[in-house]
Amino acid sequence: MNKIELMSFFEESKIEYEVLNGISSSVVKLTGIINIVVYVKESNNLKEPFWGITENVLKNLEEEVLPWYVVFIDTSKNQTFVLTEKMIRSITREKKIYSGDYKIHEIDVSNYKVNLNTILEYLK
């Protein structure tokens, strides 16, 4: 799965979405059967998948009124990971900023892998 397929899945599930470019082109507000904000990042690194998230994006997400989640997609292994606000803050608290981002690796999120068919259960 990739970001485009995820957005198509949301559309098929009758969920409207709006990209919040003021925060990042990767931040999407979902409305309909769920009302949340999702930060979606892809990694296609074949050897060691990782994702970057900036402190600025985290601060902007925390200012959102709606609950927010982070969705990391590993396109090389077709895996998806869903993290709550609390989970992502717990991980980033342990990290140092490197080149402007917190670098989140697959080992950091391996317990949060979800199947596309059940992703909506996690985003509630």
Foldseek 3Di string as FASTA:
>chain_A
DAPVVLVVLCVVVVWDWDQPVVLNSQWIFIDDPATEIEREEEFADQPWTKDWDAPSSLVVRVPDPGWYWYWYAHPNVRWIFIGGNVLVVVLVVPADADPRTGIGTCVSGVVGIDDSVCVVVVRD
